[in-house]
Amino acid sequence: MTDKAKGKGLISHGVAAQNRKARFDYTIKETMEAGLVLKGPEVKSLRHGRATLTEAWAGERDGELWLFNAYIPEYQGGVLSRFEPRAPRKLLVKHKQRNALFGAIAREGATIVPLQIHFNPRGIAKCLLGVGEGRKKEDKRHAIAARDWQRDKARLMRMKG
């Protein structure tokens, strides 16, 4: 990353948007990476790291995989082409992966949750998808208790050692 890019807060490769709540709300069984079909201003806006995935989900439309309700704000760089911030965006996966995802949804009642949008080392936007099941309220409480215990245990080990 150049000094010029660092000053503007641009992301050349790394995480552009993350859905941290997804791992709390869902038990993620497996993850896979998918490409995103984006317009130029959408990529520029993603590079500024202002996108959110908290309410986003992936699903089937016309036999293809789409990302719904992901918020990518309009790029404020004087670009003439405008886009809808919450428009559905096509996800690119291989044929076998797509069929496996659709089968998991139909058979097991699983949900496809976007976990993060990142740029690979070549600068191409990718979406990390997780296949998971929704957690119940008591499962969430167990997850909170386990996380708190791990934090307390690490704190005790630091103080002791």
N, C-alpha and C. Protein backbone atom coordinates (compact mmCIF):
# COMPACT_ATOMS: atom_id res chain seq x y z
N MET A 1 0.85 -1.17 0.00
CA MET A 1 0.00 0.00 0.00
C MET A 1 0.90 1.23 0.00
N THR A 2 0.58 2.19 -0.83
CA THR A 2 1.39 3.39 -0.90
C THR A 2 1.03 4.36 0.21
N ASP A 3 1.92 5.34 0.42
CA ASP A 3 1.64 6.34 1.45
C ASP A 3 0.40 7.15 1.11
N LYS A 4 0.21 7.39 -0.19
CA LYS A 4 -0.96 8.15 -0.62
C LYS A 4 -2.25 7.40 -0.27
N ALA A 5 -2.26 6.09 -0.49
CA ALA A 5 -3.44 5.28 -0.17
C ALA A 5 -3.67 5.22 1.33
N LYS A 6 -2.58 5.16 2.12
CA LYS A 6 -2.74 5.12 3.57
C LYS A 6 -3.39 6.39 4.09
N GLY A 7 -3.04 7.52 3.53
CA GLY A 7 -3.57 8.80 3.99
C GLY A 7 -5.06 8.94 3.74
N LYS A 8 -5.56 8.34 2.68
CA LYS A 8 -6.97 8.46 2.33
C LYS A 8 -7.84 7.40 2.98
N GLY A 9 -7.24 6.43 3.68
CA GLY A 9 -8.02 5.39 4.33
C GLY A 9 -8.52 4.34 3.36
N LEU A 10 -7.80 4.11 2.27
CA LEU A 10 -8.21 3.12 1.28
C LEU A 10 -7.72 1.74 1.66
N ILE A 11 -8.46 0.73 1.22
CA ILE A 11 -8.10 -0.66 1.48
C ILE A 11 -7.66 -1.27 0.16
N SER A 12 -6.36 -1.57 0.01
CA SER A 12 -5.91 -2.18 -1.24
C SER A 12 -6.18 -3.68 -1.20
N HIS A 13 -5.86 -4.34 -0.10
CA HIS A 13 -6.30 -5.72 0.11
C HIS A 13 -6.46 -5.90 1.61
N GLY A 14 -7.51 -6.58 1.97
CA GLY A 14 -7.89 -6.75 3.36
C GLY A 14 -9.39 -6.67 3.49
N VAL A 15 -9.88 -6.61 4.70
CA VAL A 15 -11.31 -6.66 4.97
C VAL A 15 -11.94 -5.30 4.72
N ALA A 16 -12.96 -5.26 3.86
CA ALA A 16 -13.68 -4.03 3.57
C ALA A 16 -14.93 -3.92 4.43
N ALA A 17 -15.61 -5.03 4.70
CA ALA A 17 -16.81 -5.04 5.54
C ALA A 17 -16.88 -6.39 6.23
N GLN A 18 -17.36 -6.37 7.47
CA GLN A 18 -17.42 -7.60 8.25
C GLN A 18 -18.75 -7.68 8.97
N ASN A 19 -19.31 -8.89 9.03
CA ASN A 19 -20.55 -9.15 9.75
C ASN A 19 -20.18 -9.90 11.03
N ARG A 20 -19.86 -9.16 12.08
CA ARG A 20 -19.41 -9.78 13.32
C ARG A 20 -20.55 -10.46 14.08
N LYS A 21 -21.75 -9.98 13.86
CA LYS A 21 -22.90 -10.54 14.57
C LYS A 21 -23.32 -11.91 14.02
N ALA A 22 -22.89 -12.23 12.81
CA ALA A 22 -23.31 -13.48 12.17
C ALA A 22 -22.83 -14.69 12.95
N ARG A 23 -21.60 -14.67 13.44
CA ARG A 23 -21.08 -15.83 14.18
C ARG A 23 -21.74 -15.97 15.53
N PHE A 24 -22.38 -14.92 16.02
CA PHE A 24 -23.12 -15.00 17.28
C PHE A 24 -24.53 -15.52 17.03
N ASP A 25 -25.17 -15.07 15.95
CA ASP A 25 -26.54 -15.46 15.65
C ASP A 25 -26.66 -16.83 14.99
N TYR A 26 -25.58 -17.29 14.34
CA TYR A 26 -25.63 -18.55 13.59
C TYR A 26 -24.48 -19.45 14.02
N THR A 27 -24.70 -20.75 13.94
CA THR A 27 -23.64 -21.73 14.09
C THR A 27 -23.14 -22.01 12.67
N ILE A 28 -21.94 -21.55 12.37
CA ILE A 28 -21.39 -21.66 11.02
C ILE A 28 -20.75 -23.03 10.86
N LYS A 29 -21.26 -23.82 9.90
CA LYS A 29 -20.75 -25.16 9.65
C LYS A 29 -19.57 -25.14 8.69
N GLU A 30 -19.69 -24.40 7.61
CA GLU A 30 -18.62 -24.32 6.63
C GLU A 30 -18.62 -22.94 5.98
N THR A 31 -17.48 -22.58 5.43
CA THR A 31 -17.35 -21.29 4.75
C THR A 31 -16.82 -21.51 3.34
N MET A 32 -17.13 -20.58 2.46
CA MET A 32 -16.60 -20.60 1.11
C MET A 32 -16.51 -19.18 0.58
N GLU A 33 -15.63 -18.99 -0.37
CA GLU A 33 -15.40 -17.67 -0.93
C GLU A 33 -16.10 -17.56 -2.27
N ALA A 34 -16.73 -16.41 -2.49
CA ALA A 34 -17.43 -16.16 -3.75
C ALA A 34 -17.01 -14.80 -4.29
N GLY A 35 -17.00 -14.69 -5.60
CA GLY A 35 -16.72 -13.42 -6.24
C GLY A 35 -17.97 -12.55 -6.23
N LEU A 36 -17.80 -11.26 -6.39
CA LEU A 36 -18.91 -10.31 -6.40
C LEU A 36 -18.94 -9.59 -7.74
N VAL A 37 -20.12 -9.43 -8.31
CA VAL A 37 -20.28 -8.62 -9.51
C VAL A 37 -20.62 -7.21 -9.05
N LEU A 38 -19.68 -6.28 -9.24
CA LEU A 38 -19.84 -4.90 -8.78
C LEU A 38 -19.60 -3.92 -9.91
N LYS A 39 -20.14 -2.72 -9.76
CA LYS A 39 -19.86 -1.63 -10.68
C LYS A 39 -18.65 -0.87 -10.15
N GLY A 40 -18.05 -0.05 -10.97
CA GLY A 40 -16.85 0.70 -10.60
C GLY A 40 -17.00 1.54 -9.34
N PRO A 41 -18.06 2.37 -9.24
CA PRO A 41 -18.23 3.18 -8.03
C PRO A 41 -18.45 2.35 -6.77
N GLU A 42 -19.06 1.15 -6.93
CA GLU A 42 -19.26 0.28 -5.77
C GLU A 42 -17.91 -0.21 -5.24
N VAL A 43 -17.00 -0.53 -6.14
CA VAL A 43 -15.66 -0.99 -5.73
C VAL A 43 -14.93 0.15 -5.02
N LYS A 44 -15.04 1.36 -5.56
CA LYS A 44 -14.38 2.51 -4.94
C LYS A 44 -14.94 2.76 -3.54
N SER A 45 -16.24 2.63 -3.39
CA SER A 45 -16.86 2.82 -2.08
C SER A 45 -16.42 1.72 -1.11
N LEU A 46 -16.31 0.48 -1.60
CA LEU A 46 -15.83 -0.62 -0.75
C LEU A 46 -14.40 -0.38 -0.30
N ARG A 47 -13.58 0.18 -1.16
CA ARG A 47 -12.18 0.45 -0.80
C ARG A 47 -12.06 1.46 0.33
N HIS A 48 -13.09 2.28 0.50
CA HIS A 48 -13.10 3.21 1.64
C HIS A 48 -13.58 2.53 2.92
N GLY A 49 -14.08 1.30 2.82
CA GLY A 49 -14.44 0.51 4.00
C GLY A 49 -15.71 0.96 4.70
N ARG A 50 -16.68 1.50 3.95
CA ARG A 50 -17.89 2.01 4.59
C ARG A 50 -19.09 1.09 4.41
N ALA A 51 -18.92 -0.09 3.89
CA ALA A 51 -20.04 -1.00 3.65
C ALA A 51 -20.41 -1.73 4.94
N THR A 52 -21.67 -2.18 5.02
CA THR A 52 -22.13 -2.96 6.16
C THR A 52 -22.86 -4.22 5.68
N LEU A 53 -22.69 -5.29 6.45
CA LEU A 53 -23.30 -6.58 6.12
C LEU A 53 -24.22 -7.08 7.23
N THR A 54 -24.57 -6.23 8.18
CA THR A 54 -25.30 -6.72 9.36
C THR A 54 -26.66 -7.32 9.01
N GLU A 55 -27.36 -6.80 8.03
CA GLU A 55 -28.67 -7.31 7.68
C GLU A 55 -28.66 -8.07 6.36
N ALA A 56 -27.48 -8.36 5.85
CA ALA A 56 -27.36 -8.99 4.53
C ALA A 56 -27.57 -10.50 4.62
N TRP A 57 -28.00 -11.07 3.50
CA TRP A 57 -28.18 -12.51 3.40
C TRP A 57 -28.00 -12.91 1.94
N ALA A 58 -27.71 -14.16 1.71
CA ALA A 58 -27.53 -14.67 0.35
C ALA A 58 -28.60 -15.70 0.07
N GLY A 59 -29.03 -15.75 -1.18
CA GLY A 59 -30.08 -16.69 -1.54
C GLY A 59 -30.14 -16.91 -3.04
N GLU A 60 -31.12 -17.70 -3.44
CA GLU A 60 -31.28 -18.08 -4.83
C GLU A 60 -32.29 -17.16 -5.52
N ARG A 61 -31.96 -16.79 -6.74
CA ARG A 61 -32.89 -16.07 -7.60
C ARG A 61 -32.61 -16.51 -9.03
N ASP A 62 -33.58 -17.08 -9.68
CA ASP A 62 -33.46 -17.55 -11.07
C ASP A 62 -32.32 -18.55 -11.26
N GLY A 63 -32.11 -19.41 -10.26
CA GLY A 63 -31.08 -20.43 -10.37
C GLY A 63 -29.67 -19.93 -10.12
N GLU A 64 -29.52 -18.70 -9.68
CA GLU A 64 -28.20 -18.13 -9.41
C GLU A 64 -28.13 -17.66 -7.97
N LEU A 65 -26.93 -17.45 -7.46
CA LEU A 65 -26.70 -17.02 -6.08
C LEU A 65 -26.56 -15.50 -6.04
N TRP A 66 -27.32 -14.86 -5.16
CA TRP A 66 -27.32 -13.40 -5.05
C TRP A 66 -27.10 -12.98 -3.60
N LEU A 67 -26.53 -11.80 -3.44
CA LEU A 67 -26.34 -11.17 -2.14
C LEU A 67 -27.40 -10.08 -2.00
N PHE A 68 -28.25 -10.20 -0.98
CA PHE A 68 -29.35 -9.26 -0.79
C PHE A 68 -29.09 -8.39 0.44
N ASN A 69 -29.54 -7.15 0.36
CA ASN A 69 -29.60 -6.22 1.48
C ASN A 69 -28.23 -5.83 2.05
N ALA A 70 -27.18 -5.99 1.27
CA ALA A 70 -25.86 -5.50 1.70
C ALA A 70 -25.80 -4.01 1.37
N TYR A 71 -25.35 -3.22 2.34
CA TYR A 71 -25.33 -1.77 2.16
C TYR A 71 -23.94 -1.31 1.72
N ILE A 72 -23.85 -0.82 0.50
CA ILE A 72 -22.63 -0.19 0.00
C ILE A 72 -23.01 1.23 -0.35
N PRO A 73 -22.55 2.23 0.43
CA PRO A 73 -22.98 3.61 0.18
C PRO A 73 -22.45 4.15 -1.14
N GLU A 74 -23.12 5.17 -1.66
CA GLU A 74 -22.69 5.76 -2.92
C GLU A 74 -21.33 6.41 -2.76
N TYR A 75 -20.53 6.30 -3.79
CA TYR A 75 -19.19 6.87 -3.79
C TYR A 75 -19.31 8.39 -3.97
N GLN A 76 -18.64 9.13 -3.14
CA GLN A 76 -18.77 10.59 -3.14
C GLN A 76 -17.64 11.26 -3.93
N GLY A 77 -17.16 10.62 -4.97
CA GLY A 77 -16.03 11.16 -5.73
C GLY A 77 -16.44 11.85 -7.02
N GLY A 78 -17.67 12.28 -7.15
CA GLY A 78 -18.11 12.97 -8.35
C GLY A 78 -18.35 12.05 -9.53
N VAL A 79 -18.69 10.82 -9.28
CA VAL A 79 -18.92 9.86 -10.35
C VAL A 79 -20.33 10.07 -10.89
N LEU A 80 -20.45 10.01 -12.20
CA LEU A 80 -21.76 10.22 -12.81
C LEU A 80 -22.69 9.02 -12.66
N SER A 81 -22.13 7.82 -12.68
CA SER A 81 -23.00 6.65 -12.58
C SER A 81 -23.38 6.41 -11.12
N ARG A 82 -24.64 6.45 -10.85
CA ARG A 82 -25.17 6.21 -9.50
C ARG A 82 -25.64 4.77 -9.41
N PHE A 83 -25.76 4.27 -8.19
CA PHE A 83 -26.24 2.91 -7.99
C PHE A 83 -27.07 2.88 -6.72
N GLU A 84 -27.88 1.87 -6.62
CA GLU A 84 -28.74 1.66 -5.45
C GLU A 84 -27.89 1.05 -4.34
N PRO A 85 -27.82 1.67 -3.14
CA PRO A 85 -26.95 1.15 -2.07
C PRO A 85 -27.32 -0.25 -1.60
N ARG A 86 -28.59 -0.64 -1.63
CA ARG A 86 -29.01 -1.96 -1.15
C ARG A 86 -29.46 -2.88 -2.29
N ALA A 87 -28.98 -2.65 -3.48
CA ALA A 87 -29.36 -3.47 -4.64
C ALA A 87 -28.83 -4.89 -4.49
N PRO A 88 -29.55 -5.89 -5.01
CA PRO A 88 -29.02 -7.26 -5.00
C PRO A 88 -27.79 -7.35 -5.90
N ARG A 89 -26.80 -8.09 -5.45
CA ARG A 89 -25.56 -8.24 -6.21
C ARG A 89 -25.30 -9.72 -6.44
N LYS A 90 -24.91 -10.04 -7.65
CA LYS A 90 -24.69 -11.43 -8.03
C LYS A 90 -23.40 -11.95 -7.41
N LEU A 91 -23.46 -13.18 -6.91
CA LEU A 91 -22.29 -13.85 -6.35
C LEU A 91 -21.82 -14.91 -7.34
N LEU A 92 -20.51 -15.00 -7.52
CA LEU A 92 -19.94 -15.92 -8.48
C LEU A 92 -19.29 -17.10 -7.75
N VAL A 93 -19.86 -18.26 -7.92
CA VAL A 93 -19.30 -19.50 -7.37
C VAL A 93 -19.32 -20.55 -8.46
N LYS A 94 -18.56 -21.60 -8.26
CA LYS A 94 -18.54 -22.68 -9.23
C LYS A 94 -19.86 -23.44 -9.18
N HIS A 95 -20.15 -24.12 -10.27
CA HIS A 95 -21.43 -24.83 -10.43
C HIS A 95 -21.67 -25.84 -9.30
N LYS A 96 -20.65 -26.62 -8.96
CA LYS A 96 -20.80 -27.63 -7.90
C LYS A 96 -21.03 -26.97 -6.54
N GLN A 97 -20.33 -25.88 -6.27
CA GLN A 97 -20.52 -25.17 -4.99
C GLN A 97 -21.93 -24.61 -4.91
N ARG A 98 -22.41 -24.05 -6.00
CA ARG A 98 -23.76 -23.48 -6.02
C ARG A 98 -24.81 -24.56 -5.76
N ASN A 99 -24.65 -25.71 -6.40
CA ASN A 99 -25.61 -26.81 -6.19
C ASN A 99 -25.54 -27.32 -4.75
N ALA A 100 -24.33 -27.37 -4.17
CA ALA A 100 -24.19 -27.82 -2.78
C ALA A 100 -24.88 -26.83 -1.83
N LEU A 101 -24.73 -25.55 -2.10
CA LEU A 101 -25.38 -24.54 -1.25
C LEU A 101 -26.90 -24.64 -1.35
N PHE A 102 -27.41 -24.75 -2.56
CA PHE A 102 -28.86 -24.85 -2.74
C PHE A 102 -29.40 -26.13 -2.12
N GLY A 103 -28.62 -27.21 -2.18
CA GLY A 103 -29.03 -28.47 -1.55
C GLY A 103 -29.08 -28.35 -0.04
N ALA A 104 -28.10 -27.65 0.54
CA ALA A 104 -28.08 -27.46 2.00
C ALA A 104 -29.27 -26.63 2.45
N ILE A 105 -29.64 -25.65 1.66
CA ILE A 105 -30.80 -24.82 2.01
C ILE A 105 -32.07 -25.66 1.97
N ALA A 106 -32.23 -26.45 0.92
CA ALA A 106 -33.46 -27.23 0.74
C ALA A 106 -33.55 -28.39 1.74
N ARG A 107 -32.45 -29.12 1.93
CA ARG A 107 -32.46 -30.31 2.78
C ARG A 107 -32.45 -29.98 4.26
N GLU A 108 -31.47 -29.21 4.66
CA GLU A 108 -31.21 -29.02 6.09
C GLU A 108 -31.84 -27.76 6.66
N GLY A 109 -32.37 -26.91 5.81
CA GLY A 109 -32.92 -25.66 6.31
C GLY A 109 -31.83 -24.69 6.75
N ALA A 110 -30.66 -24.82 6.14
CA ALA A 110 -29.54 -23.95 6.49
C ALA A 110 -29.74 -22.56 5.88
N THR A 111 -28.93 -21.63 6.32
CA THR A 111 -28.96 -20.26 5.84
C THR A 111 -27.58 -19.89 5.33
N ILE A 112 -27.53 -19.15 4.24
CA ILE A 112 -26.26 -18.66 3.72
C ILE A 112 -26.08 -17.23 4.23
N VAL A 113 -25.04 -17.04 5.02
CA VAL A 113 -24.80 -15.75 5.67
C VAL A 113 -23.49 -15.16 5.15
N PRO A 114 -23.49 -13.92 4.64
CA PRO A 114 -22.22 -13.30 4.27
C PRO A 114 -21.47 -12.89 5.53
N LEU A 115 -20.23 -13.36 5.68
CA LEU A 115 -19.44 -13.08 6.86
C LEU A 115 -18.56 -11.85 6.68
N GLN A 116 -17.99 -11.69 5.48
CA GLN A 116 -17.17 -10.51 5.23
C GLN A 116 -16.99 -10.30 3.74
N ILE A 117 -16.67 -9.07 3.39
CA ILE A 117 -16.25 -8.72 2.03
C ILE A 117 -14.82 -8.25 2.15
N HIS A 118 -13.95 -8.82 1.34
CA HIS A 118 -12.54 -8.47 1.40
C HIS A 118 -11.97 -8.40 0.00
N PHE A 119 -10.78 -7.84 -0.10
CA PHE A 119 -10.06 -7.79 -1.37
C PHE A 119 -8.92 -8.79 -1.30
N ASN A 120 -8.80 -9.64 -2.32
CA ASN A 120 -7.71 -10.60 -2.35
C ASN A 120 -6.42 -9.88 -2.75
N PRO A 121 -5.28 -10.55 -2.73
CA PRO A 121 -4.02 -9.87 -3.08
C PRO A 121 -3.99 -9.27 -4.48
N ARG A 122 -4.82 -9.78 -5.38
CA ARG A 122 -4.90 -9.21 -6.73
C ARG A 122 -5.82 -7.99 -6.78
N GLY A 123 -6.48 -7.66 -5.67
CA GLY A 123 -7.36 -6.50 -5.63
C GLY A 123 -8.77 -6.77 -6.07
N ILE A 124 -9.18 -8.03 -6.11
CA ILE A 124 -10.53 -8.40 -6.54
C ILE A 124 -11.40 -8.58 -5.31
N ALA A 125 -12.60 -8.01 -5.33
CA ALA A 125 -13.53 -8.11 -4.20
C ALA A 125 -14.10 -9.51 -4.11
N LYS A 126 -14.04 -10.10 -2.91
CA LYS A 126 -14.57 -11.43 -2.65
C LYS A 126 -15.48 -11.36 -1.44
N CYS A 127 -16.44 -12.26 -1.38
CA CYS A 127 -17.37 -12.34 -0.26
C CYS A 127 -17.20 -13.71 0.39
N LEU A 128 -16.95 -13.72 1.69
CA LEU A 128 -16.84 -14.97 2.43
C LEU A 128 -18.24 -15.33 2.93
N LEU A 129 -18.73 -16.49 2.47
CA LEU A 129 -20.07 -16.94 2.83
C LEU A 129 -19.98 -18.06 3.85
N GLY A 130 -20.88 -18.06 4.80
CA GLY A 130 -20.96 -19.12 5.79
C GLY A 130 -22.29 -19.84 5.68
N VAL A 131 -22.25 -21.16 5.75
CA VAL A 131 -23.47 -21.96 5.75
C VAL A 131 -23.71 -22.34 7.20
N GLY A 132 -24.82 -21.89 7.74
CA GLY A 132 -25.06 -22.15 9.16
C GLY A 132 -26.52 -22.28 9.50
N GLU A 133 -26.74 -22.61 10.76
CA GLU A 133 -28.09 -22.72 11.31
C GLU A 133 -28.26 -21.66 12.37
N GLY A 134 -29.46 -21.12 12.50
CA GLY A 134 -29.73 -20.12 13.50
C GLY A 134 -29.64 -20.68 14.91
N ARG A 135 -29.12 -19.88 15.81
CA ARG A 135 -29.02 -20.30 17.21
C ARG A 135 -30.25 -19.87 17.97
N LYS A 136 -30.60 -20.66 18.96
CA LYS A 136 -31.70 -20.30 19.86
C LYS A 136 -31.15 -19.41 20.97
N LYS A 137 -32.03 -18.84 21.74
CA LYS A 137 -31.63 -17.89 22.77
C LYS A 137 -30.71 -18.53 23.81
N GLU A 138 -31.01 -19.78 24.20
CA GLU A 138 -30.16 -20.41 25.22
C GLU A 138 -28.78 -20.75 24.66
N ASP A 139 -28.69 -21.06 23.36
CA ASP A 139 -27.38 -21.29 22.75
C ASP A 139 -26.55 -20.02 22.75
N LYS A 140 -27.21 -18.90 22.53
CA LYS A 140 -26.49 -17.62 22.55
C LYS A 140 -25.96 -17.33 23.94
N ARG A 141 -26.76 -17.69 24.97
CA ARG A 141 -26.31 -17.48 26.35
C ARG A 141 -25.09 -18.33 26.66
N HIS A 142 -25.08 -19.58 26.16
CA HIS A 142 -23.92 -20.45 26.36
C HIS A 142 -22.69 -19.89 25.67
N ALA A 143 -22.89 -19.32 24.48
CA ALA A 143 -21.77 -18.74 23.75
C ALA A 143 -21.20 -17.54 24.51
N ILE A 144 -22.06 -16.73 25.08
CA ILE A 144 -21.61 -15.57 25.86
C ILE A 144 -20.84 -16.04 27.09
N ALA A 145 -21.37 -17.06 27.78
CA ALA A 145 -20.70 -17.57 28.98
C ALA A 145 -19.33 -18.15 28.64
N ALA A 146 -19.24 -18.89 27.54
CA ALA A 146 -17.95 -19.49 27.14
C ALA A 146 -16.95 -18.40 26.77
N ARG A 147 -17.41 -17.39 26.07
CA ARG A 147 -16.52 -16.29 25.68
C ARG A 147 -16.02 -15.53 26.91
N ASP A 148 -16.91 -15.26 27.86
CA ASP A 148 -16.51 -14.57 29.09
C ASP A 148 -15.51 -15.40 29.89
N TRP A 149 -15.74 -16.72 29.96
CA TRP A 149 -14.82 -17.56 30.70
C TRP A 149 -13.44 -17.57 30.04
N GLN A 150 -13.39 -17.62 28.72
CA GLN A 150 -12.10 -17.59 28.02
C GLN A 150 -11.37 -16.28 28.29
N ARG A 151 -12.10 -15.18 28.30
CA ARG A 151 -11.50 -13.88 28.58
C ARG A 151 -10.97 -13.82 30.01
N ASP A 152 -11.76 -14.30 30.97
CA ASP A 152 -11.32 -14.30 32.37
C ASP A 152 -10.13 -15.22 32.59
N LYS A 153 -10.15 -16.38 31.93
CA LYS A 153 -9.05 -17.32 32.05
C LYS A 153 -7.76 -16.72 31.51
N ALA A 154 -7.85 -16.04 30.37
CA ALA A 154 -6.66 -15.40 29.80
C ALA A 154 -6.15 -14.29 30.72
N ARG A 155 -7.05 -13.56 31.33
CA ARG A 155 -6.68 -12.49 32.25
C ARG A 155 -5.98 -13.07 33.48
N LEU A 156 -6.49 -14.16 34.02
CA LEU A 156 -5.87 -14.81 35.19
C LEU A 156 -4.48 -15.35 34.84
N MET A 157 -4.35 -15.93 33.67
CA MET A 157 -3.05 -16.47 33.27
C MET A 157 -2.03 -15.36 33.09
N ARG A 158 -2.46 -14.22 32.58
CA ARG A 158 -1.54 -13.09 32.42
C ARG A 158 -1.07 -12.57 33.77
N MET A 159 -2.01 -12.46 34.71
CA MET A 159 -1.68 -11.93 36.03
C MET A 159 -0.79 -12.91 36.81
N LYS A 160 -1.03 -14.20 36.63
CA LYS A 160 -0.29 -15.22 37.36
C LYS A 160 1.11 -15.42 36.79
N GLY A 161 1.21 -15.41 35.47
CA GLY A 161 2.47 -15.74 34.81
C GLY A 161 3.30 -14.56 34.56
